[in-house]
Amino acid sequence: MAEKRYMYITDDDYLKAEANGISQRALEQRVRNLGWDVDRAVKTPIKDNFRPNGRWKRWKNTAVVGYATFASRINNGWSEEAAATTPALSRKECSVRGRTVQMQKACIPLDKIQIAEKNGIRRATAYMRVNVYGWTIEDAITIPATFSSTERKRKGANR
C-alpha cells in the first residue's frame, strides 16, 4: 500500500484536481488547513449542490434578494425558487427588531403593535400569542395578560 502524502502538492496533482473540478485554492485548503492527504483532496469532488453558495450560482441573475437572505431561506427549508424570487418584507412592514423577518410566521402591523402597547401588552407577548399559540391578531392585542411581570414577582415573593 502506498504511503499517504501530506503537505507537498505536485503540478500533476493540481492538474488532476482541476480535471475533477477542484480549484487550486480548494486543493491547498484541503491539504494544508484541513489535513487531508493529497490523493483524497484531489479525488473528492466539491459538493456545491448541498450548500447555498452552489445553489446561488444558478439563481443570482434572477433573484430579487441578496445572498444572505437566500442562504437563510434555504437553511430554513425554503425551495430554491421561492428563496430567490420572493421579495423580502421590509422591517417597517413587520415592525420586527432583532429577528429575521422571513422567520416570522405572521406579521403584526405597526399600528396594531401600538394598540397592544396601549393595552399594556408587550410586543413580544403579541408575537408569541399569534405565532406560537395561534391567536388572532385582534385577540393578541386586546386581551390583557393575566399578571404583569411586577405582579408575578410580587405574588411569588408573598408565597
C-alpha atoms as a PDB file:
ATOM      1  CA  MET A   1       0.000   0.000   0.000  1.00  0.00           C
ATOM      2  CA  ALA A   2       1.333   3.416  -0.953  1.00  0.00           C
ATOM      3  CA  GLU A   3       2.191   5.854   1.762  1.00  0.00           C
ATOM      4  CA  LYS A   4      -0.151   8.842   2.077  1.00  0.00           C
ATOM      5  CA  ARG A   5       1.273  12.198   1.096  1.00  0.00           C
ATOM      6  CA  TYR A   6       0.647  15.346   3.126  1.00  0.00           C
ATOM      7  CA  MET A   7       1.598  18.992   2.513  1.00  0.00           C
ATOM      8  CA  TYR A   8       3.557  18.608  -0.775  1.00  0.00           C
ATOM      9  CA  ILE A   9       1.349  19.061  -3.839  1.00  0.00           C
ATOM     10  CA  THR A  10       2.885  18.369  -7.250  1.00  0.00           C
ATOM     11  CA  ASP A  11       1.987  20.026 -10.565  1.00  0.00           C
ATOM     12  CA  ASP A  12       0.405  16.726 -11.617  1.00  0.00           C
ATOM     13  CA  ASP A  13      -1.833  16.877  -8.509  1.00  0.00           C
ATOM     14  CA  TYR A  14      -3.022  20.362  -9.468  1.00  0.00           C
ATOM     15  CA  LEU A  15      -3.874  19.142 -12.990  1.00  0.00           C
ATOM     16  CA  LYS A  16      -5.802  16.112 -11.674  1.00  0.00           C
ATOM     17  CA  ALA A  17      -7.687  18.307  -9.211  1.00  0.00           C
ATOM     18  CA  GLU A  18      -8.608  20.793 -11.939  1.00  0.00           C
ATOM     19  CA  ALA A  19      -9.915  17.921 -14.092  1.00  0.00           C
ATOM     20  CA  ASN A  20     -12.146  16.935 -11.134  1.00  0.00           C
ATOM     21  CA  GLY A  21     -13.486  20.493 -10.752  1.00  0.00           C
ATOM     22  CA  ILE A  22     -11.351  21.376  -7.728  1.00  0.00           C
ATOM     23  CA  SER A  23      -9.612  24.755  -7.735  1.00  0.00           C
ATOM     24  CA  GLN A  24      -6.013  25.264  -6.621  1.00  0.00           C
ATOM     25  CA  ARG A  25      -7.227  27.200  -3.608  1.00  0.00           C
ATOM     26  CA  ALA A  26      -9.616  24.415  -2.571  1.00  0.00           C
ATOM     27  CA  LEU A  27      -6.908  21.784  -3.016  1.00  0.00           C
ATOM     28  CA  GLU A  28      -4.414  23.748  -0.939  1.00  0.00           C
ATOM     29  CA  GLN A  29      -7.016  24.401   1.764  1.00  0.00           C
ATOM     30  CA  ARG A  30      -7.889  20.717   2.000  1.00  0.00           C
ATOM     31  CA  VAL A  31      -4.261  19.611   2.243  1.00  0.00           C
ATOM     32  CA  ARG A  32      -2.681  22.397   4.285  1.00  0.00           C
ATOM     33  CA  ASN A  33      -5.509  23.581   6.529  1.00  0.00           C
ATOM     34  CA  LEU A  34      -7.812  20.585   6.855  1.00  0.00           C
ATOM     35  CA  GLY A  35      -5.091  17.929   6.980  1.00  0.00           C
ATOM     36  CA  TRP A  36      -6.366  15.780   4.101  1.00  0.00           C
ATOM     37  CA  ASP A  37      -3.894  13.550   2.306  1.00  0.00           C
ATOM     38  CA  VAL A  38      -3.151  14.733  -1.240  1.00  0.00           C
ATOM     39  CA  ASP A  39      -4.831  11.806  -3.026  1.00  0.00           C
ATOM     40  CA  ARG A  40      -8.107  12.257  -1.138  1.00  0.00           C
ATOM     41  CA  ALA A  41      -8.035  16.031  -1.697  1.00  0.00           C
ATOM     42  CA  VAL A  42      -7.524  15.552  -5.449  1.00  0.00           C
ATOM     43  CA  LYS A  43     -10.219  12.882  -5.908  1.00  0.00           C
ATOM     44  CA  THR A  44     -13.063  14.100  -3.653  1.00  0.00           C
ATOM     45  CA  PRO A  45     -15.399  16.394  -5.625  1.00  0.00           C
ATOM     46  CA  ILE A  46     -16.708  19.622  -4.156  1.00  0.00           C
ATOM     47  CA  LYS A  47     -20.365  19.326  -3.198  1.00  0.00           C
ATOM     48  CA  ASP A  48     -21.675  22.745  -4.242  1.00  0.00           C
ATOM     49  CA  ASN A  49     -25.227  21.469  -4.611  1.00  0.00           C
ATOM     50  CA  PHE A  50     -25.587  20.980  -0.862  1.00  0.00           C
ATOM     51  CA  ARG A  51     -24.522  24.485   0.124  1.00  0.00           C
ATOM     52  CA  PRO A  52     -26.472  27.666  -0.560  1.00  0.00           C
ATOM     53  CA  ASN A  53     -23.468  29.111  -2.421  1.00  0.00           C
ATOM     54  CA  GLY A  54     -23.686  26.416  -5.110  1.00  0.00           C
ATOM     55  CA  ARG A  55     -27.403  26.975  -5.465  1.00  0.00           C
ATOM     56  CA  TRP A  56     -26.929  30.737  -5.526  1.00  0.00           C
ATOM     57  CA  LYS A  57     -24.884  30.474  -8.729  1.00  0.00           C
ATOM     58  CA  ARG A  58     -27.984  29.203 -10.540  1.00  0.00           C
ATOM     59  CA  TRP A  59     -30.273  31.935  -9.177  1.00  0.00           C
ATOM     60  CA  LYS A  60     -28.166  35.071  -8.708  1.00  0.00           C
ATOM     61  CA  ASN A  61     -29.188  36.628 -12.054  1.00  0.00           C
ATOM     62  CA  THR A  62     -32.919  36.260 -11.410  1.00  0.00           C
ATOM     63  CA  ALA A  63     -33.004  36.627  -7.618  1.00  0.00           C
ATOM     64  CA  VAL A  64     -34.813  39.566  -6.019  1.00  0.00           C
ATOM     65  CA  VAL A  65     -32.995  39.122  -2.693  1.00  0.00           C
ATOM     66  CA  GLY A  66     -29.351  39.061  -1.655  1.00  0.00           C
ATOM     67  CA  TYR A  67     -27.193  36.028  -0.987  1.00  0.00           C
ATOM     68  CA  ALA A  68     -27.541  36.196   2.805  1.00  0.00           C
ATOM     69  CA  THR A  69     -31.337  36.197   2.613  1.00  0.00           C
ATOM     70  CA  PHE A  70     -31.263  33.399   0.038  1.00  0.00           C
ATOM     71  CA  ALA A  71     -28.914  31.281   2.184  1.00  0.00           C
ATOM     72  CA  SER A  72     -31.006  31.855   5.309  1.00  0.00           C
ATOM     73  CA  ARG A  73     -34.161  30.822   3.489  1.00  0.00           C
ATOM     74  CA  ILE A  74     -32.540  27.668   2.069  1.00  0.00           C
ATOM     75  CA  ASN A  75     -31.311  26.728   5.546  1.00  0.00           C
ATOM     76  CA  ASN A  76     -34.872  27.223   6.841  1.00  0.00           C
ATOM     77  CA  GLY A  77     -36.275  24.761   4.309  1.00  0.00           C
ATOM     78  CA  TRP A  78     -37.464  27.042   1.500  1.00  0.00           C
ATOM     79  CA  SER A  79     -37.366  25.788  -2.076  1.00  0.00           C
ATOM     80  CA  GLU A  80     -34.677  27.361  -4.260  1.00  0.00           C
ATOM     81  CA  GLU A  81     -37.182  29.145  -6.471  1.00  0.00           C
ATOM     82  CA  ALA A  82     -39.165  30.594  -3.573  1.00  0.00           C
ATOM     83  CA  ALA A  83     -35.993  31.610  -1.718  1.00  0.00           C
ATOM     84  CA  ALA A  84     -34.677  33.506  -4.744  1.00  0.00           C
ATOM     85  CA  THR A  85     -37.846  35.047  -6.161  1.00  0.00           C
ATOM     86  CA  THR A  86     -39.902  36.002  -3.085  1.00  0.00           C
ATOM     87  CA  PRO A  87     -39.238  39.648  -2.206  1.00  0.00           C
ATOM     88  CA  ALA A  88     -38.097  40.321   1.333  1.00  0.00           C
ATOM     89  CA  LEU A  89     -40.513  42.175   3.591  1.00  0.00           C
ATOM     90  CA  SER A  90     -39.280  45.477   4.934  1.00  0.00           C
ATOM     91  CA  ARG A  91     -38.692  45.874   8.643  1.00  0.00           C
ATOM     92  CA  LYS A  92     -41.348  48.573   8.690  1.00  0.00           C
ATOM     93  CA  GLU A  93     -43.912  46.142   7.283  1.00  0.00           C
ATOM     94  CA  CYS A  94     -43.412  43.711  10.113  1.00  0.00           C
ATOM     95  CA  SER A  95     -42.045  46.079  12.769  1.00  0.00           C
ATOM     96  CA  VAL A  96     -39.682  43.390  13.997  1.00  0.00           C
ATOM     97  CA  ARG A  97     -36.393  44.295  15.643  1.00  0.00           C
ATOM     98  CA  GLY A  98     -33.521  41.895  16.167  1.00  0.00           C
ATOM     99  CA  ARG A  99     -35.113  38.993  14.255  1.00  0.00           C
ATOM    100  CA  THR A 100     -35.127  37.994  10.624  1.00  0.00           C
ATOM    101  CA  VAL A 101     -38.423  38.955   9.036  1.00  0.00           C
ATOM    102  CA  GLN A 102     -38.683  35.790   6.952  1.00  0.00           C
ATOM    103  CA  MET A 103     -38.601  33.651  10.090  1.00  0.00           C
ATOM    104  CA  GLN A 104     -41.828  35.213  11.313  1.00  0.00           C
ATOM    105  CA  LYS A 105     -44.927  33.127  10.700  1.00  0.00           C
ATOM    106  CA  ALA A 106     -47.215  36.148  10.825  1.00  0.00           C
ATOM    107  CA  CYS A 107     -46.563  39.862  10.785  1.00  0.00           C
ATOM    108  CA  ILE A 108     -48.329  42.287  13.069  1.00  0.00           C
ATOM    109  CA  PRO A 109     -48.620  45.768  11.577  1.00  0.00           C
ATOM    110  CA  LEU A 110     -47.102  48.683  13.473  1.00  0.00           C
ATOM    111  CA  ASP A 111     -50.468  50.288  14.231  1.00  0.00           C
ATOM    112  CA  LYS A 112     -51.640  47.016  15.852  1.00  0.00           C
ATOM    113  CA  ILE A 113     -48.437  46.874  17.933  1.00  0.00           C
ATOM    114  CA  GLN A 114     -49.147  50.393  19.165  1.00  0.00           C
ATOM    115  CA  ILE A 115     -52.664  49.333  20.186  1.00  0.00           C
ATOM    116  CA  ALA A 116     -51.200  46.349  22.061  1.00  0.00           C
ATOM    117  CA  GLU A 117     -48.735  48.588  23.905  1.00  0.00           C
ATOM    118  CA  LYS A 118     -51.568  50.969  24.860  1.00  0.00           C
ATOM    119  CA  ASN A 119     -53.408  47.946  26.273  1.00  0.00           C
ATOM    120  CA  GLY A 120     -50.345  47.013  28.337  1.00  0.00           C
ATOM    121  CA  ILE A 121     -49.308  44.082  26.143  1.00  0.00           C
ATOM    122  CA  ARG A 122     -45.662  43.865  25.204  1.00  0.00           C
ATOM    123  CA  ARG A 123     -44.662  43.419  21.556  1.00  0.00           C
ATOM    124  CA  ALA A 124     -43.021  40.058  22.291  1.00  0.00           C
ATOM    125  CA  THR A 125     -46.184  38.829  24.008  1.00  0.00           C
ATOM    126  CA  ALA A 126     -48.304  39.769  20.990  1.00  0.00           C
ATOM    127  CA  TYR A 127     -45.937  37.973  18.586  1.00  0.00           C
ATOM    128  CA  MET A 128     -45.840  34.906  20.829  1.00  0.00           C
ATOM    129  CA  ARG A 129     -49.622  34.775  21.012  1.00  0.00           C
ATOM    130  CA  VAL A 130     -50.019  34.987  17.233  1.00  0.00           C
ATOM    131  CA  ASN A 131     -47.070  32.890  16.043  1.00  0.00           C
ATOM    132  CA  VAL A 132     -46.781  30.224  18.732  1.00  0.00           C
ATOM    133  CA  TYR A 133     -50.227  29.926  20.278  1.00  0.00           C
ATOM    134  CA  GLY A 134     -52.253  30.638  17.121  1.00  0.00           C
ATOM    135  CA  TRP A 135     -54.297  33.579  18.447  1.00  0.00           C
ATOM    136  CA  THR A 136     -55.871  36.051  16.056  1.00  0.00           C
ATOM    137  CA  ILE A 137     -54.144  39.421  15.893  1.00  0.00           C
ATOM    138  CA  GLU A 138     -57.188  41.163  17.379  1.00  0.00           C
ATOM    139  CA  ASP A 139     -57.268  38.835  20.401  1.00  0.00           C
ATOM    140  CA  ALA A 140     -53.492  39.029  20.833  1.00  0.00           C
ATOM    141  CA  ILE A 141     -53.507  42.827  21.085  1.00  0.00           C
ATOM    142  CA  THR A 142     -56.688  43.310  23.133  1.00  0.00           C
ATOM    143  CA  ILE A 143     -56.871  40.526  25.740  1.00  0.00           C
ATOM    144  CA  PRO A 144     -54.748  41.652  28.691  1.00  0.00           C
ATOM    145  CA  ALA A 145     -52.111  39.442  30.220  1.00  0.00           C
ATOM    146  CA  THR A 146     -53.275  37.887  33.477  1.00  0.00           C
ATOM    147  CA  PHE A 147     -50.406  39.312  35.505  1.00  0.00           C
ATOM    148  CA  SER A 148     -47.719  41.816  34.662  1.00  0.00           C
ATOM    149  CA  SER A 149     -44.126  40.910  35.421  1.00  0.00           C
ATOM    150  CA  THR A 150     -44.154  43.081  38.554  1.00  0.00           C
ATOM    151  CA  GLU A 151     -47.358  41.422  39.735  1.00  0.00           C
ATOM    152  CA  ARG A 152     -45.824  37.979  39.171  1.00  0.00           C
ATOM    153  CA  LYS A 153     -42.763  38.993  41.183  1.00  0.00           C
ATOM    154  CA  ARG A 154     -44.912  40.366  43.965  1.00  0.00           C
ATOM    155  CA  LYS A 155     -47.082  37.246  44.108  1.00  0.00           C
ATOM    156  CA  GLY A 156     -44.032  34.994  44.023  1.00  0.00           C
ATOM    157  CA  ALA A 157     -42.454  36.904  46.913  1.00  0.00           C
ATOM    158  CA  ASN A 158     -45.614  36.615  49.074  1.00  0.00           C
ATOM    159  CA  ARG A 159     -45.845  32.839  48.892  1.00  0.00           C
END
